[in-house]
Amino acid sequence: MQWTAMKTAWLAAGLGVALAAPPASAAEVETRSVTVSLKGLDLAAPEGQAIATQRIAQAAKEACGTVDVRDLNALADYETCHSAALSTASVQMHSMVAAAEARTRLAAK
């Protein structure tokens, strides 16, 4: 893929959720979103969290595309995209894990 503009990616954990990103600067910005299905995972359990993390990492790679590592500008854009995607998804996942753990504690009472 030819990188002609800064690319950002947002991952949405859950089903059918997509996020729109505001422009990071005056430069042209391409925004992509990827939905990561966490259906069927027990996010209160370490195993479910590990699988979710793997899915999110794979989706970040998918959303940010491929890059020629010899092109330092494109590589920097890819790393920015990847980092932003993981950061956004991480916030969402932590919230979902906390909710799952709270439901588990309530069910145990």
PDB file of N, CA and C in Angstrom:
ATOM      1  N   MET A   1       0.848  -1.180   0.000  1.00  0.00           N
ATOM      2  CA  MET A   1       0.000   0.000   0.000  1.00  0.00           C
ATOM      3  C   MET A   1       0.886   1.234   0.000  1.00  0.00           C
ATOM      4  N   GLN A   2       0.590   2.169  -0.835  1.00  0.00           N
ATOM      5  CA  GLN A   2       1.303   3.442  -0.914  1.00  0.00           C
ATOM      6  C   GLN A   2       0.779   4.350   0.196  1.00  0.00           C
ATOM      7  N   TRP A   3       1.668   4.921   0.969  1.00  0.00           N
ATOM      8  CA  TRP A   3       1.271   5.821   2.038  1.00  0.00           C
ATOM      9  C   TRP A   3       1.390   7.237   1.516  1.00  0.00           C
ATOM     10  N   THR A   4       0.275   7.857   1.260  1.00  0.00           N
ATOM     11  CA  THR A   4       0.295   9.224   0.757  1.00  0.00           C
ATOM     12  C   THR A   4      -0.212  10.213   1.799  1.00  0.00           C
ATOM     13  N   ALA A   5      -0.710   9.731   2.880  1.00  0.00           N
ATOM     14  CA  ALA A   5      -1.219  10.600   3.941  1.00  0.00           C
ATOM     15  C   ALA A   5      -1.046   9.883   5.269  1.00  0.00           C
ATOM     16  N   MET A   6      -1.100  10.650   6.338  1.00  0.00           N
ATOM     17  CA  MET A   6      -1.029  10.018   7.642  1.00  0.00           C
ATOM     18  C   MET A   6      -2.252   9.130   7.797  1.00  0.00           C
ATOM     19  N   LYS A   7      -2.036   7.952   8.331  1.00  0.00           N
ATOM     20  CA  LYS A   7      -3.128   7.002   8.487  1.00  0.00           C
ATOM     21  C   LYS A   7      -3.352   6.783   9.982  1.00  0.00           C
ATOM     22  N   THR A   8      -4.601   6.747  10.391  1.00  0.00           N
ATOM     23  CA  THR A   8      -4.933   6.396  11.760  1.00  0.00           C
ATOM     24  C   THR A   8      -5.915   5.249  11.726  1.00  0.00           C
ATOM     25  N   ALA A   9      -5.901   4.469  12.752  1.00  0.00           N
ATOM     26  CA  ALA A   9      -6.834   3.357  12.837  1.00  0.00           C
ATOM     27  C   ALA A   9      -7.418   3.317  14.227  1.00  0.00           C
ATOM     28  N   TRP A  10      -8.663   2.941  14.292  1.00  0.00           N
ATOM     29  CA  TRP A  10      -9.350   2.811  15.566  1.00  0.00           C
ATOM     30  C   TRP A  10      -9.950   1.423  15.614  1.00  0.00           C
ATOM     31  N   LEU A  11      -9.758   0.752  16.701  1.00  0.00           N
ATOM     32  CA  LEU A  11     -10.346  -0.560  16.885  1.00  0.00           C
ATOM     33  C   LEU A  11     -11.490  -0.433  17.860  1.00  0.00           C
ATOM     34  N   ALA A  12     -12.544  -1.122  17.589  1.00  0.00           N
ATOM     35  CA  ALA A  12     -13.695  -1.114  18.477  1.00  0.00           C
ATOM     36  C   ALA A  12     -13.878  -2.524  19.016  1.00  0.00           C
ATOM     37  N   ALA A  13     -13.776  -2.657  20.310  1.00  0.00           N
ATOM     38  CA  ALA A  13     -13.976  -3.957  20.925  1.00  0.00           C
ATOM     39  C   ALA A  13     -15.468  -4.160  21.123  1.00  0.00           C
ATOM     40  N   GLY A  14     -15.966  -5.291  20.755  1.00  0.00           N
ATOM     41  CA  GLY A  14     -17.384  -5.573  20.891  1.00  0.00           C
ATOM     42  C   GLY A  14     -17.997  -5.922  19.553  1.00  0.00           C
ATOM     43  N   LEU A  15     -19.272  -5.743  19.447  1.00  0.00           N
ATOM     44  CA  LEU A  15     -19.980  -6.106  18.222  1.00  0.00           C
ATOM     45  C   LEU A  15     -20.604  -4.877  17.589  1.00  0.00           C
ATOM     46  N   GLY A  16     -20.316  -4.667  16.330  1.00  0.00           N
ATOM     47  CA  GLY A  16     -20.973  -3.621  15.564  1.00  0.00           C
ATOM     48  C   GLY A  16     -20.672  -2.209  16.001  1.00  0.00           C
ATOM     49  N   VAL A  17     -19.529  -1.964  16.599  1.00  0.00           N
ATOM     50  CA  VAL A  17     -19.183  -0.634  17.056  1.00  0.00           C
ATOM     51  C   VAL A  17     -18.074  -0.096  16.161  1.00  0.00           C
ATOM     52  N   ALA A  18     -18.204   1.107  15.708  1.00  0.00           N
ATOM     53  CA  ALA A  18     -17.142   1.744  14.927  1.00  0.00           C
ATOM     54  C   ALA A  18     -16.934   3.150  15.460  1.00  0.00           C
ATOM     55  N   LEU A  19     -15.718   3.584  15.488  1.00  0.00           N
ATOM     56  CA  LEU A  19     -15.396   4.905  15.993  1.00  0.00           C
ATOM     57  C   LEU A  19     -14.897   5.786  14.866  1.00  0.00           C
ATOM     58  N   ALA A  20     -15.264   7.032  14.900  1.00  0.00           N
ATOM     59  CA  ALA A  20     -14.744   7.993  13.933  1.00  0.00           C
ATOM     60  C   ALA A  20     -13.650   8.789  14.613  1.00  0.00           C
ATOM     61  N   ALA A  21     -12.605   9.059  13.890  1.00  0.00           N
ATOM     62  CA  ALA A  21     -11.485   9.797  14.451  1.00  0.00           C
ATOM     63  C   ALA A  21     -11.474  11.218  13.906  1.00  0.00           C
ATOM     64  N   PRO A  22     -11.291  12.203  14.773  1.00  0.00           N
ATOM     65  CA  PRO A  22     -11.146  13.564  14.279  1.00  0.00           C
ATOM     66  C   PRO A  22      -9.760  13.720  13.655  1.00  0.00           C
ATOM     67  N   PRO A  23      -9.591  14.651  12.735  1.00  0.00           N
ATOM     68  CA  PRO A  23      -8.275  14.841  12.129  1.00  0.00           C
ATOM     69  C   PRO A  23      -7.235  15.174  13.191  1.00  0.00           C
ATOM     70  N   ALA A  24      -6.066  14.560  13.092  1.00  0.00           N
ATOM     71  CA  ALA A  24      -4.983  14.785  14.049  1.00  0.00           C
ATOM     72  C   ALA A  24      -4.287  16.104  13.762  1.00  0.00           C
ATOM     73  N   SER A  25      -4.310  16.541  12.519  1.00  0.00           N
ATOM     74  CA  SER A  25      -3.662  17.788  12.138  1.00  0.00           C
ATOM     75  C   SER A  25      -4.309  18.292  10.858  1.00  0.00           C
ATOM     76  N   ALA A  26      -3.718  19.314  10.309  1.00  0.00           N
ATOM     77  CA  ALA A  26      -4.244  19.851   9.056  1.00  0.00           C
ATOM     78  C   ALA A  26      -3.929  18.930   7.884  1.00  0.00           C
ATOM     79  N   ALA A  27      -3.025  17.974   8.089  1.00  0.00           N
ATOM     80  CA  ALA A  27      -2.652  17.038   7.030  1.00  0.00           C
ATOM     81  C   ALA A  27      -3.834  16.128   6.709  1.00  0.00           C
ATOM     82  N   GLU A  28      -3.809  15.568   5.519  1.00  0.00           N
ATOM     83  CA  GLU A  28      -4.846  14.620   5.120  1.00  0.00           C
ATOM     84  C   GLU A  28      -4.761  13.391   6.014  1.00  0.00           C
ATOM     85  N   VAL A  29      -5.891  12.917   6.493  1.00  0.00           N
ATOM     86  CA  VAL A  29      -5.919  11.769   7.389  1.00  0.00           C
ATOM     87  C   VAL A  29      -6.860  10.715   6.836  1.00  0.00           C
ATOM     88  N   GLU A  30      -6.377   9.502   6.734  1.00  0.00           N
ATOM     89  CA  GLU A  30      -7.220   8.372   6.349  1.00  0.00           C
ATOM     90  C   GLU A  30      -7.577   7.648   7.639  1.00  0.00           C
ATOM     91  N   THR A  31      -8.854   7.430   7.880  1.00  0.00           N
ATOM     92  CA  THR A  31      -9.290   6.758   9.094  1.00  0.00           C
ATOM     93  C   THR A  31      -9.911   5.425   8.732  1.00  0.00           C
ATOM     94  N   ARG A  32      -9.512   4.409   9.456  1.00  0.00           N
ATOM     95  CA  ARG A  32     -10.089   3.083   9.283  1.00  0.00           C
ATOM     96  C   ARG A  32     -10.574   2.602  10.636  1.00  0.00           C
ATOM     97  N   SER A  33     -11.596   1.783  10.614  1.00  0.00           N
ATOM     98  CA  SER A  33     -12.045   1.167  11.857  1.00  0.00           C
ATOM     99  C   SER A  33     -12.206  -0.326  11.612  1.00  0.00           C
ATOM    100  N   VAL A  34     -11.954  -1.079  12.632  1.00  0.00           N
ATOM    101  CA  VAL A  34     -12.087  -2.531  12.590  1.00  0.00           C
ATOM    102  C   VAL A  34     -12.865  -2.938  13.829  1.00  0.00           C
ATOM    103  N   THR A  35     -13.859  -3.758  13.643  1.00  0.00           N
ATOM    104  CA  THR A  35     -14.620  -4.273  14.770  1.00  0.00           C
ATOM    105  C   THR A  35     -14.000  -5.586  15.209  1.00  0.00           C
ATOM    106  N   VAL A  36     -13.727  -5.688  16.493  1.00  0.00           N
ATOM    107  CA  VAL A  36     -13.138  -6.893  17.065  1.00  0.00           C
ATOM    108  C   VAL A  36     -14.225  -7.602  17.861  1.00  0.00           C
ATOM    109  N   SER A  37     -14.561  -8.804  17.455  1.00  0.00           N
ATOM    110  CA  SER A  37     -15.591  -9.562  18.153  1.00  0.00           C
ATOM    111  C   SER A  37     -15.013 -10.208  19.411  1.00  0.00           C
ATOM    112  N   LEU A  38     -15.656  -9.939  20.511  1.00  0.00           N
ATOM    113  CA  LEU A  38     -15.284 -10.557  21.776  1.00  0.00           C
ATOM    114  C   LEU A  38     -16.392 -11.497  22.244  1.00  0.00           C
ATOM    115  N   LYS A  39     -17.322 -11.763  21.337  1.00  0.00           N
ATOM    116  CA  LYS A  39     -18.452 -12.627  21.636  1.00  0.00           C
ATOM    117  C   LYS A  39     -17.946 -13.999  22.075  1.00  0.00           C
ATOM    118  N   GLY A  40     -18.518 -14.488  23.135  1.00  0.00           N
ATOM    119  CA  GLY A  40     -18.182 -15.812  23.623  1.00  0.00           C
ATOM    120  C   GLY A  40     -16.967 -15.859  24.528  1.00  0.00           C
ATOM    121  N   LEU A  41     -16.296 -14.730  24.719  1.00  0.00           N
ATOM    122  CA  LEU A  41     -15.122 -14.713  25.597  1.00  0.00           C
ATOM    123  C   LEU A  41     -15.544 -14.322  27.010  1.00  0.00           C
ATOM    124  N   ASP A  42     -14.969 -14.992  27.984  1.00  0.00           N
ATOM    125  CA  ASP A  42     -15.181 -14.620  29.382  1.00  0.00           C
ATOM    126  C   ASP A  42     -14.086 -13.628  29.742  1.00  0.00           C
ATOM    127  N   LEU A  43     -14.404 -12.350  29.682  1.00  0.00           N
ATOM    128  CA  LEU A  43     -13.406 -11.318  29.934  1.00  0.00           C
ATOM    129  C   LEU A  43     -13.040 -11.196  31.407  1.00  0.00           C
ATOM    130  N   ALA A  44     -13.745 -11.909  32.273  1.00  0.00           N
ATOM    131  CA  ALA A  44     -13.385 -11.930  33.683  1.00  0.00           C
ATOM    132  C   ALA A  44     -12.267 -12.949  33.932  1.00  0.00           C
ATOM    133  N   ALA A  45     -12.005 -13.802  32.956  1.00  0.00           N
ATOM    134  CA  ALA A  45     -10.985 -14.844  33.089  1.00  0.00           C
ATOM    135  C   ALA A  45      -9.725 -14.452  32.313  1.00  0.00           C
ATOM    136  N   PRO A  46      -8.558 -14.765  32.848  1.00  0.00           N
ATOM    137  CA  PRO A  46      -7.306 -14.452  32.149  1.00  0.00           C
ATOM    138  C   PRO A  46      -7.237 -15.046  30.739  1.00  0.00           C
ATOM    139  N   GLU A  47      -7.800 -16.222  30.551  1.00  0.00           N
ATOM    140  CA  GLU A  47      -7.765 -16.853  29.228  1.00  0.00           C
ATOM    141  C   GLU A  47      -8.556 -16.026  28.214  1.00  0.00           C
ATOM    142  N   GLY A  48      -9.726 -15.556  28.613  1.00  0.00           N
ATOM    143  CA  GLY A  48     -10.551 -14.733  27.733  1.00  0.00           C
ATOM    144  C   GLY A  48      -9.877 -13.409  27.419  1.00  0.00           C
ATOM    145  N   GLN A  49      -9.231 -12.836  28.412  1.00  0.00           N
ATOM    146  CA  GLN A  49      -8.507 -11.580  28.206  1.00  0.00           C
ATOM    147  C   GLN A  49      -7.341 -11.777  27.241  1.00  0.00           C
ATOM    148  N   ALA A  50      -6.644 -12.899  27.349  1.00  0.00           N
ATOM    149  CA  ALA A  50      -5.511 -13.177  26.459  1.00  0.00           C
ATOM    150  C   ALA A  50      -5.973 -13.325  25.010  1.00  0.00           C
ATOM    151  N   ILE A  51      -7.086 -14.022  24.812  1.00  0.00           N
ATOM    152  CA  ILE A  51      -7.613 -14.190  23.454  1.00  0.00           C
ATOM    153  C   ILE A  51      -8.050 -12.837  22.898  1.00  0.00           C
ATOM    154  N   ALA A  52      -8.698 -12.027  23.726  1.00  0.00           N
ATOM    155  CA  ALA A  52      -9.137 -10.697  23.285  1.00  0.00           C
ATOM    156  C   ALA A  52      -7.934  -9.847  22.889  1.00  0.00           C
ATOM    157  N   THR A  53      -6.878  -9.910  23.665  1.00  0.00           N
ATOM    158  CA  THR A  53      -5.670  -9.148  23.367  1.00  0.00           C
ATOM    159  C   THR A  53      -5.059  -9.584  22.040  1.00  0.00           C
ATOM    160  N   GLN A  54      -5.052 -10.885  21.787  1.00  0.00           N
ATOM    161  CA  GLN A  54      -4.535 -11.394  20.511  1.00  0.00           C
ATOM    162  C   GLN A  54      -5.383 -10.898  19.344  1.00  0.00           C
ATOM    163  N   ARG A  55      -6.700 -10.924  19.506  1.00  0.00           N
ATOM    164  CA  ARG A  55      -7.590 -10.462  18.440  1.00  0.00           C
ATOM    165  C   ARG A  55      -7.386  -8.978  18.159  1.00  0.00           C
ATOM    166  N   ILE A  56      -7.210  -8.202  19.214  1.00  0.00           N
ATOM    167  CA  ILE A  56      -7.003  -6.768  19.069  1.00  0.00           C
ATOM    168  C   ILE A  56      -5.677  -6.494  18.361  1.00  0.00           C
ATOM    169  N   ALA A  57      -4.631  -7.217  18.729  1.00  0.00           N
ATOM    170  CA  ALA A  57      -3.326  -7.027  18.085  1.00  0.00           C
ATOM    171  C   ALA A  57      -3.401  -7.346  16.598  1.00  0.00           C
ATOM    172  N   GLN A  58      -4.101  -8.421  16.248  1.00  0.00           N
ATOM    173  CA  GLN A  58      -4.246  -8.790  14.836  1.00  0.00           C
ATOM    174  C   GLN A  58      -5.057  -7.743  14.080  1.00  0.00           C
ATOM    175  N   ALA A  59      -6.104  -7.236  14.708  1.00  0.00           N
ATOM    176  CA  ALA A  59      -6.935  -6.222  14.062  1.00  0.00           C
ATOM    177  C   ALA A  59      -6.161  -4.922  13.846  1.00  0.00           C
ATOM    178  N   ALA A  60      -5.278  -4.586  14.776  1.00  0.00           N
ATOM    179  CA  ALA A  60      -4.462  -3.372  14.615  1.00  0.00           C
ATOM    180  C   ALA A  60      -3.562  -3.508  13.391  1.00  0.00           C
ATOM    181  N   LYS A  61      -2.979  -4.671  13.212  1.00  0.00           N
ATOM    182  CA  LYS A  61      -2.144  -4.906  12.035  1.00  0.00           C
ATOM    183  C   LYS A  61      -2.978  -4.795  10.761  1.00  0.00           C
ATOM    184  N   GLU A  62      -4.174  -5.370  10.796  1.00  0.00           N
ATOM    185  CA  GLU A  62      -5.074  -5.327   9.633  1.00  0.00           C
ATOM    186  C   GLU A  62      -5.489  -3.893   9.309  1.00  0.00           C
ATOM    187  N   ALA A  63      -5.837  -3.151  10.336  1.00  0.00           N
ATOM    188  CA  ALA A  63      -6.320  -1.788  10.131  1.00  0.00           C
ATOM    189  C   ALA A  63      -5.236  -0.865   9.600  1.00  0.00           C
ATOM    190  N   CYS A  64      -4.016  -1.068  10.043  1.00  0.00           N
ATOM    191  CA  CYS A  64      -2.930  -0.161   9.654  1.00  0.00           C
ATOM    192  C   CYS A  64      -2.263  -0.564   8.341  1.00  0.00           C
ATOM    193  N   GLY A  65      -2.557  -1.762   7.859  1.00  0.00           N
ATOM    194  CA  GLY A  65      -2.043  -2.185   6.562  1.00  0.00           C
ATOM    195  C   GLY A  65      -0.579  -2.569   6.593  1.00  0.00           C
ATOM    196  N   THR A  66      -0.039  -2.725   5.414  1.00  0.00           N
ATOM    197  CA  THR A  66       1.366  -3.091   5.294  1.00  0.00           C
ATOM    198  C   THR A  66       2.175  -1.859   4.948  1.00  0.00           C
ATOM    199  N   VAL A  67       3.454  -1.932   5.208  1.00  0.00           N
ATOM    200  CA  VAL A  67       4.319  -0.790   4.960  1.00  0.00           C
ATOM    201  C   VAL A  67       5.691  -1.285   4.524  1.00  0.00           C
ATOM    202  N   ASP A  68       6.316  -0.528   3.656  1.00  0.00           N
ATOM    203  CA  ASP A  68       7.689  -0.798   3.248  1.00  0.00           C
ATOM    204  C   ASP A  68       8.591  -0.259   4.357  1.00  0.00           C
ATOM    205  N   VAL A  69       9.249  -1.144   5.088  1.00  0.00           N
ATOM    206  CA  VAL A  69      10.051  -0.721   6.230  1.00  0.00           C
ATOM    207  C   VAL A  69      11.268   0.110   5.827  1.00  0.00           C
ATOM    208  N   ARG A  70      11.558   0.148   4.546  1.00  0.00           N
ATOM    209  CA  ARG A  70      12.676   0.978   4.080  1.00  0.00           C
ATOM    210  C   ARG A  70      12.264   2.443   3.973  1.00  0.00           C
ATOM    211  N   ASP A  71      10.965   2.719   3.961  1.00  0.00           N
ATOM    212  CA  ASP A  71      10.452   4.082   3.896  1.00  0.00           C
ATOM    213  C   ASP A  71      10.213   4.567   5.325  1.00  0.00           C
ATOM    214  N   LEU A  72      11.142   5.357   5.836  1.00  0.00           N
ATOM    215  CA  LEU A  72      11.076   5.764   7.244  1.00  0.00           C
ATOM    216  C   LEU A  72       9.836   6.583   7.572  1.00  0.00           C
ATOM    217  N   ASN A  73       9.383   7.421   6.641  1.00  0.00           N
ATOM    218  CA  ASN A  73       8.162   8.194   6.892  1.00  0.00           C
ATOM    219  C   ASN A  73       6.955   7.278   6.990  1.00  0.00           C
ATOM    220  N   ALA A  74       6.864   6.321   6.072  1.00  0.00           N
ATOM    221  CA  ALA A  74       5.748   5.376   6.094  1.00  0.00           C
ATOM    222  C   ALA A  74       5.810   4.507   7.340  1.00  0.00           C
ATOM    223  N   LEU A  75       7.002   4.123   7.736  1.00  0.00           N
ATOM    224  CA  LEU A  75       7.167   3.306   8.941  1.00  0.00           C
ATOM    225  C   LEU A  75       6.720   4.081  10.175  1.00  0.00           C
ATOM    226  N   ALA A  76       7.082   5.349  10.247  1.00  0.00           N
ATOM    227  CA  ALA A  76       6.662   6.186  11.381  1.00  0.00           C
ATOM    228  C   ALA A  76       5.142   6.324  11.404  1.00  0.00           C
ATOM    229  N   ASP A  77       4.537   6.522  10.227  1.00  0.00           N
ATOM    230  CA  ASP A  77       3.073   6.611  10.164  1.00  0.00           C
ATOM    231  C   ASP A  77       2.424   5.306  10.610  1.00  0.00           C
ATOM    232  N   TYR A  78       2.992   4.182  10.166  1.00  0.00           N
ATOM    233  CA  TYR A  78       2.454   2.874  10.564  1.00  0.00           C
ATOM    234  C   TYR A  78       2.533   2.705  12.077  1.00  0.00           C
ATOM    235  N   GLU A  79       3.669   3.044  12.650  1.00  0.00           N
ATOM    236  CA  GLU A  79       3.838   2.890  14.101  1.00  0.00           C
ATOM    237  C   GLU A  79       2.876   3.788  14.865  1.00  0.00           C
ATOM    238  N   THR A  80       2.641   4.990  14.362  1.00  0.00           N
ATOM    239  CA  THR A  80       1.671   5.889  14.992  1.00  0.00           C
ATOM    240  C   THR A  80       0.268   5.294  14.913  1.00  0.00           C
ATOM    241  N   CYS A  81      -0.072   4.784  13.737  1.00  0.00           N
ATOM    242  CA  CYS A  81      -1.371   4.155  13.526  1.00  0.00           C
ATOM    243  C   CYS A  81      -1.552   2.972  14.475  1.00  0.00           C
ATOM    244  N   HIS A  82      -0.573   2.105  14.510  1.00  0.00           N
ATOM    245  CA  HIS A  82      -0.639   0.895  15.323  1.00  0.00           C
ATOM    246  C   HIS A  82      -0.770   1.242  16.807  1.00  0.00           C
ATOM    247  N   SER A  83       0.033   2.191  17.251  1.00  0.00           N
ATOM    248  CA  SER A  83      -0.006   2.603  18.659  1.00  0.00           C
ATOM    249  C   SER A  83      -1.362   3.206  19.025  1.00  0.00           C
ATOM    250  N   ALA A  84      -1.897   4.062  18.153  1.00  0.00           N
ATOM    251  CA  ALA A  84      -3.206   4.681  18.424  1.00  0.00           C
ATOM    252  C   ALA A  84      -4.311   3.640  18.446  1.00  0.00           C
ATOM    253  N   ALA A  85      -4.240   2.690  17.528  1.00  0.00           N
ATOM    254  CA  ALA A  85      -5.261   1.643  17.476  1.00  0.00           C
ATOM    255  C   ALA A  85      -5.241   0.805  18.748  1.00  0.00           C
ATOM    256  N   LEU A  86      -4.050   0.400  19.178  1.00  0.00           N
ATOM    257  CA  LEU A  86      -3.943  -0.411  20.398  1.00  0.00           C
ATOM    258  C   LEU A  86      -4.369   0.371  21.629  1.00  0.00           C
ATOM    259  N   SER A  87      -4.020   1.636  21.671  1.00  0.00           N
ATOM    260  CA  SER A  87      -4.390   2.474  22.815  1.00  0.00           C
ATOM    261  C   SER A  87      -5.905   2.619  22.927  1.00  0.00           C
ATOM    262  N   THR A  88      -6.550   2.893  21.813  1.00  0.00           N
ATOM    263  CA  THR A  88      -8.005   3.049  21.806  1.00  0.00           C
ATOM    264  C   THR A  88      -8.699   1.753  22.222  1.00  0.00           C
ATOM    265  N   ALA A  89      -8.255   0.647  21.649  1.00  0.00           N
ATOM    266  CA  ALA A  89      -8.865  -0.643  21.965  1.00  0.00           C
ATOM    267  C   ALA A  89      -8.593  -1.038  23.409  1.00  0.00           C
ATOM    268  N   SER A  90      -7.408  -0.699  23.903  1.00  0.00           N
ATOM    269  CA  SER A  90      -7.051  -1.049  25.280  1.00  0.00           C
ATOM    270  C   SER A  90      -7.987  -0.377  26.287  1.00  0.00           C
ATOM    271  N   VAL A  91      -8.296   0.876  26.053  1.00  0.00           N
ATOM    272  CA  VAL A  91      -9.214   1.596  26.946  1.00  0.00           C
ATOM    273  C   VAL A  91     -10.573   0.909  26.956  1.00  0.00           C
ATOM    274  N   GLN A  92     -11.066   0.569  25.766  1.00  0.00           N
ATOM    275  CA  GLN A  92     -12.358  -0.100  25.672  1.00  0.00           C
ATOM    276  C   GLN A  92     -12.315  -1.468  26.343  1.00  0.00           C
ATOM    277  N   MET A  93     -11.240  -2.201  26.112  1.00  0.00           N
ATOM    278  CA  MET A  93     -11.156  -3.543  26.678  1.00  0.00           C
ATOM    279  C   MET A  93     -11.091  -3.501  28.198  1.00  0.00           C
ATOM    280  N   HIS A  94     -10.320  -2.566  28.747  1.00  0.00           N
ATOM    281  CA  HIS A  94     -10.239  -2.461  30.206  1.00  0.00           C
ATOM    282  C   HIS A  94     -11.605  -2.187  30.817  1.00  0.00           C
ATOM    283  N   SER A  95     -12.378  -1.361  30.156  1.00  0.00           N
ATOM    284  CA  SER A  95     -13.728  -1.077  30.626  1.00  0.00           C
ATOM    285  C   SER A  95     -14.599  -2.331  30.584  1.00  0.00           C
ATOM    286  N   MET A  96     -14.486  -3.098  29.504  1.00  0.00           N
ATOM    287  CA  MET A  96     -15.282  -4.316  29.358  1.00  0.00           C
ATOM    288  C   MET A  96     -14.835  -5.387  30.354  1.00  0.00           C
ATOM    289  N   VAL A  97     -13.533  -5.467  30.627  1.00  0.00           N
ATOM    290  CA  VAL A  97     -13.018  -6.425  31.612  1.00  0.00           C
ATOM    291  C   VAL A  97     -13.544  -6.071  32.995  1.00  0.00           C
ATOM    292  N   ALA A  98     -13.492  -4.794  33.340  1.00  0.00           N
ATOM    293  CA  ALA A  98     -13.992  -4.362  34.652  1.00  0.00           C
ATOM    294  C   ALA A  98     -15.471  -4.701  34.810  1.00  0.00           C
ATOM    295  N   ALA A  99     -16.252  -4.490  33.768  1.00  0.00           N
ATOM    296  CA  ALA A  99     -17.681  -4.813  33.829  1.00  0.00           C
ATOM    297  C   ALA A  99     -17.894  -6.318  33.977  1.00  0.00           C
ATOM    298  N   ALA A 100     -17.114  -7.117  33.251  1.00  0.00           N
ATOM    299  CA  ALA A 100     -17.241  -8.577  33.337  1.00  0.00           C
ATOM    300  C   ALA A 100     -16.856  -9.068  34.733  1.00  0.00           C
ATOM    301  N   GLU A 101     -15.798  -8.503  35.286  1.00  0.00           N
ATOM    302  CA  GLU A 101     -15.366  -8.896  36.637  1.00  0.00           C
ATOM    303  C   GLU A 101     -16.414  -8.514  37.670  1.00  0.00           C
ATOM    304  N   ALA A 102     -17.038  -7.348  37.509  1.00  0.00           N
ATOM    305  CA  ALA A 102     -18.081  -6.909  38.439  1.00  0.00           C
ATOM    306  C   ALA A 102     -19.280  -7.850  38.355  1.00  0.00           C
ATOM    307  N   ARG A 103     -19.674  -8.252  37.133  1.00  0.00           N
ATOM    308  CA  ARG A 103     -20.806  -9.185  36.979  1.00  0.00           C
ATOM    309  C   ARG A 103     -20.479 -10.527  37.639  1.00  0.00           C
ATOM    310  N   THR A 104     -19.244 -10.972  37.507  1.00  0.00           N
ATOM    311  CA  THR A 104     -18.825 -12.241  38.101  1.00  0.00           C
ATOM    312  C   THR A 104     -18.889 -12.162  39.625  1.00  0.00           C
ATOM    313  N   ARG A 105     -18.415 -11.034  40.184  1.00  0.00           N
ATOM    314  CA  ARG A 105     -18.472 -10.871  41.642  1.00  0.00           C
ATOM    315  C   ARG A 105     -19.919 -10.836  42.138  1.00  0.00           C
ATOM    316  N   LEU A 106     -20.785 -10.143  41.403  1.00  0.00           N
ATOM    317  CA  LEU A 106     -22.196 -10.060  41.803  1.00  0.00           C
ATOM    318  C   LEU A 106     -22.871 -11.434  41.716  1.00  0.00           C
ATOM    319  N   ALA A 107     -22.544 -12.199  40.704  1.00  0.00           N
ATOM    320  CA  ALA A 107     -23.143 -13.512  40.543  1.00  0.00           C
ATOM    321  C   ALA A 107     -22.694 -14.472  41.631  1.00  0.00           C
ATOM    322  N   ALA A 108     -21.504 -14.253  42.173  1.00  0.00           N
ATOM    323  CA  ALA A 108     -20.965 -15.126  43.220  1.00  0.00           C
ATOM    324  C   ALA A 108     -21.608 -14.873  44.575  1.00  0.00           C
ATOM    325  N   LYS A 109     -22.274 -13.737  44.733  1.00  0.00           N
ATOM    326  CA  LYS A 109     -22.884 -13.406  46.034  1.00  0.00           C
ATOM    327  C   LYS A 109     -24.176 -14.149  46.260  1.00  0.00           C
TER     328      LYS A 109
END
